[in-house]
Amino acid sequence: MKKFYLLILLLSIALVMACNTTGSSSGKPKINIQLQAAEAELITDGTLETDGINIGWWESMDDQIKWTFEITKKGEYTVLAFLSCPEEQAGSEVDVTMGDQTNSFKVRSTGSSWEDFTYIEIGKYTLSKGTHTILFQATKIAARFVCNIKFISIQM
């Protein structure tokens, strides 16, 4: 009976350890910072707005979307955006800048309506510990609107 309880204890410890790591052999903790639409600073003279759930009405290359956040561990981070763009609006291009690092992406269709959100990988950034700002700005608008953004995710 003692062997049974020891086995249960060891399995429990292994499960807890697996849930607290990335699954890599290095055992590094996974960092995932989510920046919601409601937390963004919108820099616009136009119609760019947020309803607290997502950012929409993005129709000017002068519009900027900015978040400020803290990094607690220096390293390489991957940025993803959870966004929507119907097929007839796809094709805009966006620069995403943090400090002196910029990645660009082309907005692709995520479905048939503005309600069809999906993750788009923006790129990788090397970040130091401390406060950072991420800035989104369109460099080309293919149709009337760029996209809707619900949140961005910064992952290590």
C-alpha atoms as a PDB file:
ATOM      1  CA  MET A   1       0.000   0.000   0.000  1.00  0.00           C
ATOM      2  CA  LYS A   2       2.915   2.384   0.756  1.00  0.00           C
ATOM      3  CA  LYS A   3       4.292   1.798  -2.741  1.00  0.00           C
ATOM      4  CA  PHE A   4       0.932   2.807  -4.206  1.00  0.00           C
ATOM      5  CA  TYR A   5       0.891   6.122  -2.272  1.00  0.00           C
ATOM      6  CA  LEU A   6       4.514   6.783  -3.181  1.00  0.00           C
ATOM      7  CA  LEU A   7       3.692   6.213  -6.845  1.00  0.00           C
ATOM      8  CA  ILE A   8       0.725   8.627  -6.618  1.00  0.00           C
ATOM      9  CA  LEU A   9       2.938  11.238  -4.933  1.00  0.00           C
ATOM     10  CA  LEU A  10       5.643  10.927  -7.606  1.00  0.00           C
ATOM     11  CA  LEU A  11       3.097  11.157 -10.421  1.00  0.00           C
ATOM     12  CA  SER A  12       1.562  14.254  -8.804  1.00  0.00           C
ATOM     13  CA  ILE A  13       4.951  15.946  -8.550  1.00  0.00           C
ATOM     14  CA  ALA A  14       5.724  15.089 -12.178  1.00  0.00           C
ATOM     15  CA  LEU A  15       2.366  16.530 -13.288  1.00  0.00           C
ATOM     16  CA  VAL A  16       2.923  19.795 -11.400  1.00  0.00           C
ATOM     17  CA  MET A  17       6.410  20.136 -12.883  1.00  0.00           C
ATOM     18  CA  ALA A  18       5.085  19.490 -16.402  1.00  0.00           C
ATOM     19  CA  CYS A  19       2.404  22.155 -16.005  1.00  0.00           C
ATOM     20  CA  ASN A  20       4.965  24.751 -14.871  1.00  0.00           C
ATOM     21  CA  THR A  21       7.385  24.415 -17.809  1.00  0.00           C
ATOM     22  CA  THR A  22       7.296  24.914 -21.551  1.00  0.00           C
ATOM     23  CA  GLY A  23       7.801  21.236 -22.150  1.00  0.00           C
ATOM     24  CA  SER A  24      11.348  21.853 -23.339  1.00  0.00           C
ATOM     25  CA  SER A  25      14.257  19.924 -21.949  1.00  0.00           C
ATOM     26  CA  SER A  26      15.663  23.121 -20.421  1.00  0.00           C
ATOM     27  CA  GLY A  27      12.622  23.476 -18.134  1.00  0.00           C
ATOM     28  CA  LYS A  28      12.422  27.267 -18.639  1.00  0.00           C
ATOM     29  CA  PRO A  29       9.197  28.828 -17.387  1.00  0.00           C
ATOM     30  CA  LYS A  30       6.828  29.963 -20.109  1.00  0.00           C
ATOM     31  CA  ILE A  31       6.092  33.688 -20.098  1.00  0.00           C
ATOM     32  CA  ASN A  32       2.912  34.894 -21.786  1.00  0.00           C
ATOM     33  CA  ILE A  33       1.969  38.567 -21.512  1.00  0.00           C
ATOM     34  CA  GLN A  34      -1.432  39.444 -22.957  1.00  0.00           C
ATOM     35  CA  LEU A  35      -2.168  43.067 -23.766  1.00  0.00           C
ATOM     36  CA  GLN A  36      -5.907  43.650 -24.232  1.00  0.00           C
ATOM     37  CA  ALA A  37      -7.551  46.140 -26.588  1.00  0.00           C
ATOM     38  CA  ALA A  38      -8.847  48.145 -23.618  1.00  0.00           C
ATOM     39  CA  GLU A  39      -5.234  48.668 -22.418  1.00  0.00           C
ATOM     40  CA  ALA A  40      -4.031  50.188 -25.706  1.00  0.00           C
ATOM     41  CA  GLU A  41      -3.303  53.836 -26.300  1.00  0.00           C
ATOM     42  CA  LEU A  42      -4.870  54.860 -29.605  1.00  0.00           C
ATOM     43  CA  ILE A  43      -3.124  57.675 -31.472  1.00  0.00           C
ATOM     44  CA  THR A  44      -5.536  58.889 -34.145  1.00  0.00           C
ATOM     45  CA  ASP A  45      -7.106  61.852 -35.872  1.00  0.00           C
ATOM     46  CA  GLY A  46      -9.569  59.521 -37.569  1.00  0.00           C
ATOM     47  CA  THR A  47     -12.005  56.794 -36.656  1.00  0.00           C
ATOM     48  CA  LEU A  48      -9.706  54.294 -34.888  1.00  0.00           C
ATOM     49  CA  GLU A  49     -11.495  53.222 -31.712  1.00  0.00           C
ATOM     50  CA  THR A  50     -11.928  50.501 -29.119  1.00  0.00           C
ATOM     51  CA  ASP A  51     -15.105  49.228 -27.520  1.00  0.00           C
ATOM     52  CA  GLY A  52     -13.026  47.648 -24.761  1.00  0.00           C
ATOM     53  CA  ILE A  53     -13.177  44.261 -26.471  1.00  0.00           C
ATOM     54  CA  ASN A  54     -11.341  44.959 -29.717  1.00  0.00           C
ATOM     55  CA  ILE A  55      -9.766  47.786 -31.689  1.00  0.00           C
ATOM     56  CA  GLY A  56     -11.472  48.602 -34.957  1.00  0.00           C
ATOM     57  CA  TRP A  57     -12.273  51.243 -37.570  1.00  0.00           C
ATOM     58  CA  TRP A  58      -8.541  51.326 -38.418  1.00  0.00           C
ATOM     59  CA  GLU A  59      -8.529  53.134 -41.755  1.00  0.00           C
ATOM     60  CA  SER A  60      -5.593  55.577 -41.725  1.00  0.00           C
ATOM     61  CA  MET A  61      -1.844  55.093 -42.038  1.00  0.00           C
ATOM     62  CA  ASP A  62      -1.497  57.934 -39.518  1.00  0.00           C
ATOM     63  CA  ASP A  63      -3.267  55.843 -36.839  1.00  0.00           C
ATOM     64  CA  GLN A  64      -1.071  54.124 -34.256  1.00  0.00           C
ATOM     65  CA  ILE A  65      -1.861  51.522 -31.601  1.00  0.00           C
ATOM     66  CA  LYS A  66       0.496  51.456 -28.625  1.00  0.00           C
ATOM     67  CA  TRP A  67       0.836  49.312 -25.510  1.00  0.00           C
ATOM     68  CA  THR A  68       3.301  49.742 -22.640  1.00  0.00           C
ATOM     69  CA  PHE A  69       4.272  46.667 -20.603  1.00  0.00           C
ATOM     70  CA  GLU A  70       6.908  45.197 -18.273  1.00  0.00           C
ATOM     71  CA  ILE A  71       9.384  42.424 -19.052  1.00  0.00           C
ATOM     72  CA  THR A  72      10.700  40.575 -15.994  1.00  0.00           C
ATOM     73  CA  LYS A  73      13.207  38.359 -17.817  1.00  0.00           C
ATOM     74  CA  LYS A  74      15.476  39.375 -20.694  1.00  0.00           C
ATOM     75  CA  GLY A  75      15.459  37.188 -23.775  1.00  0.00           C
ATOM     76  CA  GLU A  76      13.879  36.512 -27.138  1.00  0.00           C
ATOM     77  CA  TYR A  77      10.105  36.924 -27.295  1.00  0.00           C
ATOM     78  CA  THR A  78       7.593  36.061 -29.995  1.00  0.00           C
ATOM     79  CA  VAL A  79       4.742  38.500 -30.597  1.00  0.00           C
ATOM     80  CA  LEU A  80       1.358  37.319 -31.835  1.00  0.00           C
ATOM     81  CA  ALA A  81      -1.789  39.320 -32.560  1.00  0.00           C
ATOM     82  CA  PHE A  82      -5.301  37.935 -32.130  1.00  0.00           C
ATOM     83  CA  LEU A  83      -7.049  39.721 -34.976  1.00  0.00           C
ATOM     84  CA  SER A  84      -9.800  39.542 -37.555  1.00  0.00           C
ATOM     85  CA  CYS A  85     -10.027  40.623 -41.170  1.00  0.00           C
ATOM     86  CA  PRO A  86     -12.643  39.506 -43.697  1.00  0.00           C
ATOM     87  CA  GLU A  87     -11.426  38.428 -47.130  1.00  0.00           C
ATOM     88  CA  GLU A  88     -12.493  41.618 -48.927  1.00  0.00           C
ATOM     89  CA  GLN A  89     -10.332  43.754 -46.559  1.00  0.00           C
ATOM     90  CA  ALA A  90      -7.168  41.580 -46.545  1.00  0.00           C
ATOM     91  CA  GLY A  91      -3.786  42.716 -47.846  1.00  0.00           C
ATOM     92  CA  SER A  92      -2.884  45.707 -45.661  1.00  0.00           C
ATOM     93  CA  GLU A  93       0.672  45.892 -44.322  1.00  0.00           C
ATOM     94  CA  VAL A  94       1.614  46.778 -40.746  1.00  0.00           C
ATOM     95  CA  ASP A  95       4.893  47.622 -39.014  1.00  0.00           C
ATOM     96  CA  VAL A  96       5.248  46.503 -35.379  1.00  0.00           C
ATOM     97  CA  THR A  97       8.051  48.302 -33.543  1.00  0.00           C
ATOM     98  CA  MET A  98       9.658  47.797 -30.131  1.00  0.00           C
ATOM     99  CA  GLY A  99      12.616  50.087 -29.529  1.00  0.00           C
ATOM    100  CA  ASP A 100      14.904  49.812 -32.559  1.00  0.00           C
ATOM    101  CA  GLN A 101      13.394  46.486 -33.720  1.00  0.00           C
ATOM    102  CA  THR A 102      10.637  46.372 -36.341  1.00  0.00           C
ATOM    103  CA  ASN A 103       8.814  43.428 -37.882  1.00  0.00           C
ATOM    104  CA  SER A 104       6.274  43.807 -40.680  1.00  0.00           C
ATOM    105  CA  PHE A 105       3.348  41.614 -41.579  1.00  0.00           C
ATOM    106  CA  LYS A 106       0.717  41.458 -44.284  1.00  0.00           C
ATOM    107  CA  VAL A 107      -2.837  41.160 -42.945  1.00  0.00           C
ATOM    108  CA  ARG A 108      -4.435  38.030 -44.329  1.00  0.00           C
ATOM    109  CA  SER A 109      -8.071  37.014 -44.296  1.00  0.00           C
ATOM    110  CA  THR A 110      -9.162  35.305 -41.093  1.00  0.00           C
ATOM    111  CA  GLY A 111     -12.603  34.323 -42.384  1.00  0.00           C
ATOM    112  CA  SER A 112     -15.763  35.755 -43.870  1.00  0.00           C
ATOM    113  CA  SER A 113     -16.601  38.335 -41.171  1.00  0.00           C
ATOM    114  CA  TRP A 114     -15.113  40.706 -38.592  1.00  0.00           C
ATOM    115  CA  GLU A 115     -16.075  38.141 -35.937  1.00  0.00           C
ATOM    116  CA  ASP A 116     -13.598  35.518 -37.216  1.00  0.00           C
ATOM    117  CA  PHE A 117     -10.489  36.073 -35.049  1.00  0.00           C
ATOM    118  CA  THR A 118      -7.260  34.094 -35.275  1.00  0.00           C
ATOM    119  CA  TYR A 119      -3.623  34.354 -34.141  1.00  0.00           C
ATOM    120  CA  ILE A 120      -1.104  35.909 -36.519  1.00  0.00           C
ATOM    121  CA  GLU A 121       2.606  35.655 -35.658  1.00  0.00           C
ATOM    122  CA  ILE A 122       4.243  39.067 -35.955  1.00  0.00           C
ATOM    123  CA  GLY A 123       7.856  38.110 -35.286  1.00  0.00           C
ATOM    124  CA  LYS A 124      10.617  37.817 -32.703  1.00  0.00           C
ATOM    125  CA  TYR A 125      12.113  40.584 -30.562  1.00  0.00           C
ATOM    126  CA  THR A 126      15.068  40.566 -28.176  1.00  0.00           C
ATOM    127  CA  LEU A 127      13.953  42.376 -25.013  1.00  0.00           C
ATOM    128  CA  SER A 128      15.771  43.466 -21.881  1.00  0.00           C
ATOM    129  CA  LYS A 129      14.228  43.457 -18.416  1.00  0.00           C
ATOM    130  CA  GLY A 130      12.150  46.608 -17.850  1.00  0.00           C
ATOM    131  CA  THR A 131       9.421  48.735 -19.415  1.00  0.00           C
ATOM    132  CA  HIS A 132       8.773  48.433 -23.160  1.00  0.00           C
ATOM    133  CA  THR A 133       6.404  49.929 -25.707  1.00  0.00           C
ATOM    134  CA  ILE A 134       5.023  48.116 -28.747  1.00  0.00           C
ATOM    135  CA  LEU A 135       3.661  50.218 -31.603  1.00  0.00           C
ATOM    136  CA  PHE A 136       1.478  49.079 -34.526  1.00  0.00           C
ATOM    137  CA  GLN A 137       1.239  51.314 -37.623  1.00  0.00           C
ATOM    138  CA  ALA A 138      -0.125  50.525 -41.087  1.00  0.00           C
ATOM    139  CA  THR A 139       2.241  51.146 -43.998  1.00  0.00           C
ATOM    140  CA  LYS A 140      -0.283  50.126 -46.672  1.00  0.00           C
ATOM    141  CA  ILE A 141      -4.087  49.902 -46.562  1.00  0.00           C
ATOM    142  CA  ALA A 142      -5.379  47.465 -49.169  1.00  0.00           C
ATOM    143  CA  ALA A 143      -9.104  48.234 -48.901  1.00  0.00           C
ATOM    144  CA  ARG A 144     -11.028  50.448 -46.439  1.00  0.00           C
ATOM    145  CA  PHE A 145      -9.901  48.949 -43.094  1.00  0.00           C
ATOM    146  CA  VAL A 146      -6.677  47.323 -41.838  1.00  0.00           C
ATOM    147  CA  CYS A 147      -8.006  44.790 -39.279  1.00  0.00           C
ATOM    148  CA  ASN A 148      -9.574  44.441 -35.833  1.00  0.00           C
ATOM    149  CA  ILE A 149      -7.291  43.525 -32.922  1.00  0.00           C
ATOM    150  CA  LYS A 150      -8.642  41.868 -29.762  1.00  0.00           C
ATOM    151  CA  PHE A 151      -5.285  41.460 -27.968  1.00  0.00           C
ATOM    152  CA  ILE A 152      -1.607  40.804 -28.517  1.00  0.00           C
ATOM    153  CA  SER A 153       0.443  38.112 -26.848  1.00  0.00           C
ATOM    154  CA  ILE A 154       4.155  38.385 -26.032  1.00  0.00           C
ATOM    155  CA  GLN A 155       5.623  34.940 -25.358  1.00  0.00           C
ATOM    156  CA  MET A 156       8.962  33.522 -24.294  1.00  0.00           C
END
